[in-house]
Amino acid sequence: MSTLSLRLRGLLGDALRHDAAGIILAHSHPSGHCRPSGCDIAATRRLADIAKALDIALIDHLIFTSDTIYSMRAGGLI
């Protein structure tokens, strides 16, 4: 199972400093398994909630492997 470690303060702080209206999060799964883990989903939902409170949209969270990309937005997880 993959884990996702987010530094929310830094990530959202950068978005605020740049006056971003939205952000796209991306990370890789070197294992080659492109589906999001429970940790990926929980962290994404937490980030989306905090970003929304700051008036920043979480546009998507992409997961990359060597041969495919998974969009959590397209998968209905955002």
C-alpha atoms as a PDB file:
ATOM      1  CA  MET A   1       0.000   0.000   0.000  1.00  0.00           C
ATOM      2  CA  SER A   2       1.324   3.429  -0.877  1.00  0.00           C
ATOM      3  CA  THR A   3       1.267   6.339   1.515  1.00  0.00           C
ATOM      4  CA  LEU A   4       0.811   9.970   0.770  1.00  0.00           C
ATOM      5  CA  SER A   5       2.595  12.531   2.865  1.00  0.00           C
ATOM      6  CA  LEU A   6       1.383  16.083   2.481  1.00  0.00           C
ATOM      7  CA  ARG A   7       2.741  19.206   4.034  1.00  0.00           C
ATOM      8  CA  LEU A   8      -0.556  21.023   3.885  1.00  0.00           C
ATOM      9  CA  ARG A   9       0.685  24.250   5.441  1.00  0.00           C
ATOM     10  CA  GLY A  10       3.477  24.618   2.866  1.00  0.00           C
ATOM     11  CA  LEU A  11       1.367  23.530  -0.073  1.00  0.00           C
ATOM     12  CA  LEU A  12      -1.545  25.811   0.722  1.00  0.00           C
ATOM     13  CA  GLY A  13       0.785  28.591   1.848  1.00  0.00           C
ATOM     14  CA  ASP A  14       2.409  28.552  -1.597  1.00  0.00           C
ATOM     15  CA  ALA A  15      -1.027  28.604  -3.244  1.00  0.00           C
ATOM     16  CA  LEU A  16      -2.059  31.604  -1.130  1.00  0.00           C
ATOM     17  CA  ARG A  17       1.206  33.466  -1.824  1.00  0.00           C
ATOM     18  CA  HIS A  18       0.624  33.036  -5.556  1.00  0.00           C
ATOM     19  CA  ASP A  19      -3.055  33.970  -5.225  1.00  0.00           C
ATOM     20  CA  ALA A  20      -3.994  30.643  -6.834  1.00  0.00           C
ATOM     21  CA  ALA A  21      -7.658  29.995  -7.510  1.00  0.00           C
ATOM     22  CA  GLY A  22      -6.985  26.256  -7.770  1.00  0.00           C
ATOM     23  CA  ILE A  23      -4.340  23.578  -7.396  1.00  0.00           C
ATOM     24  CA  ILE A  24      -3.570  20.241  -8.998  1.00  0.00           C
ATOM     25  CA  LEU A  25      -1.854  17.638  -6.847  1.00  0.00           C
ATOM     26  CA  ALA A  26       0.195  14.828  -8.395  1.00  0.00           C
ATOM     27  CA  HIS A  27       2.337  11.981  -7.141  1.00  0.00           C
ATOM     28  CA  SER A  28       3.714   8.702  -8.424  1.00  0.00           C
ATOM     29  CA  HIS A  29       3.165   5.080  -7.503  1.00  0.00           C
ATOM     30  CA  PRO A  30       6.483   3.385  -8.336  1.00  0.00           C
ATOM     31  CA  SER A  31       4.796   0.032  -7.651  1.00  0.00           C
ATOM     32  CA  GLY A  32       2.933   0.420 -10.955  1.00  0.00           C
ATOM     33  CA  HIS A  33      -0.455   0.092  -9.239  1.00  0.00           C
ATOM     34  CA  CYS A  34      -2.324   3.213 -10.355  1.00  0.00           C
ATOM     35  CA  ARG A  35      -5.428   3.058  -8.143  1.00  0.00           C
ATOM     36  CA  PRO A  36      -5.459   5.423  -5.133  1.00  0.00           C
ATOM     37  CA  SER A  37      -4.907   3.907  -1.709  1.00  0.00           C
ATOM     38  CA  GLY A  38      -7.163   4.630   1.257  1.00  0.00           C
ATOM     39  CA  CYS A  39      -4.483   7.010   2.495  1.00  0.00           C
ATOM     40  CA  ASP A  40      -4.431   8.805  -0.885  1.00  0.00           C
ATOM     41  CA  ILE A  41      -8.197   9.256  -0.733  1.00  0.00           C
ATOM     42  CA  ALA A  42      -8.266  10.443   2.887  1.00  0.00           C
ATOM     43  CA  ALA A  43      -5.414  12.919   2.367  1.00  0.00           C
ATOM     44  CA  THR A  44      -7.024  14.259  -0.810  1.00  0.00           C
ATOM     45  CA  ARG A  45     -10.361  14.806   0.905  1.00  0.00           C
ATOM     46  CA  ARG A  46      -8.655  16.540   3.834  1.00  0.00           C
ATOM     47  CA  LEU A  47      -6.725  18.792   1.459  1.00  0.00           C
ATOM     48  CA  ALA A  48      -9.893  19.569  -0.538  1.00  0.00           C
ATOM     49  CA  ASP A  49     -11.775  20.551   2.635  1.00  0.00           C
ATOM     50  CA  ILE A  50      -9.021  22.858   3.880  1.00  0.00           C
ATOM     51  CA  ALA A  51      -8.449  24.362   0.430  1.00  0.00           C
ATOM     52  CA  LYS A  52     -12.178  25.041   0.045  1.00  0.00           C
ATOM     53  CA  ALA A  53     -12.175  26.921   3.361  1.00  0.00           C
ATOM     54  CA  LEU A  54      -9.394  29.096   1.903  1.00  0.00           C
ATOM     55  CA  ASP A  55     -11.347  29.608  -1.344  1.00  0.00           C
ATOM     56  CA  ILE A  56      -8.913  27.469  -3.343  1.00  0.00           C
ATOM     57  CA  ALA A  57     -10.295  24.724  -5.589  1.00  0.00           C
ATOM     58  CA  LEU A  58      -8.665  21.299  -5.690  1.00  0.00           C
ATOM     59  CA  ILE A  59      -8.890  20.807  -9.437  1.00  0.00           C
ATOM     60  CA  ASP A  60      -7.536  17.252  -9.491  1.00  0.00           C
ATOM     61  CA  HIS A  61      -5.201  14.782  -7.854  1.00  0.00           C
ATOM     62  CA  LEU A  62      -3.276  12.720 -10.394  1.00  0.00           C
ATOM     63  CA  ILE A  63      -1.469   9.455  -9.736  1.00  0.00           C
ATOM     64  CA  PHE A  64       1.263   8.501 -12.187  1.00  0.00           C
ATOM     65  CA  THR A  65       2.815   5.137 -12.922  1.00  0.00           C
ATOM     66  CA  SER A  66       5.300   4.328 -15.659  1.00  0.00           C
ATOM     67  CA  ASP A  67       2.503   3.622 -18.152  1.00  0.00           C
ATOM     68  CA  THR A  68      -0.722   5.252 -16.952  1.00  0.00           C
ATOM     69  CA  ILE A  69      -2.287   8.158 -15.086  1.00  0.00           C
ATOM     70  CA  TYR A  70      -5.273   8.036 -12.725  1.00  0.00           C
ATOM     71  CA  SER A  71      -7.393  11.166 -12.179  1.00  0.00           C
ATOM     72  CA  MET A  72      -9.177  11.226  -8.841  1.00  0.00           C
ATOM     73  CA  ARG A  73     -11.587  13.833 -10.300  1.00  0.00           C
ATOM     74  CA  ALA A  74     -12.491  11.563 -13.239  1.00  0.00           C
ATOM     75  CA  GLY A  75     -12.746   8.624 -10.826  1.00  0.00           C
ATOM     76  CA  GLY A  76     -15.361  10.495  -8.776  1.00  0.00           C
ATOM     77  CA  LEU A  77     -13.179  10.775  -5.666  1.00  0.00           C
ATOM     78  CA  ILE A  78     -13.110  14.586  -5.594  1.00  0.00           C
END
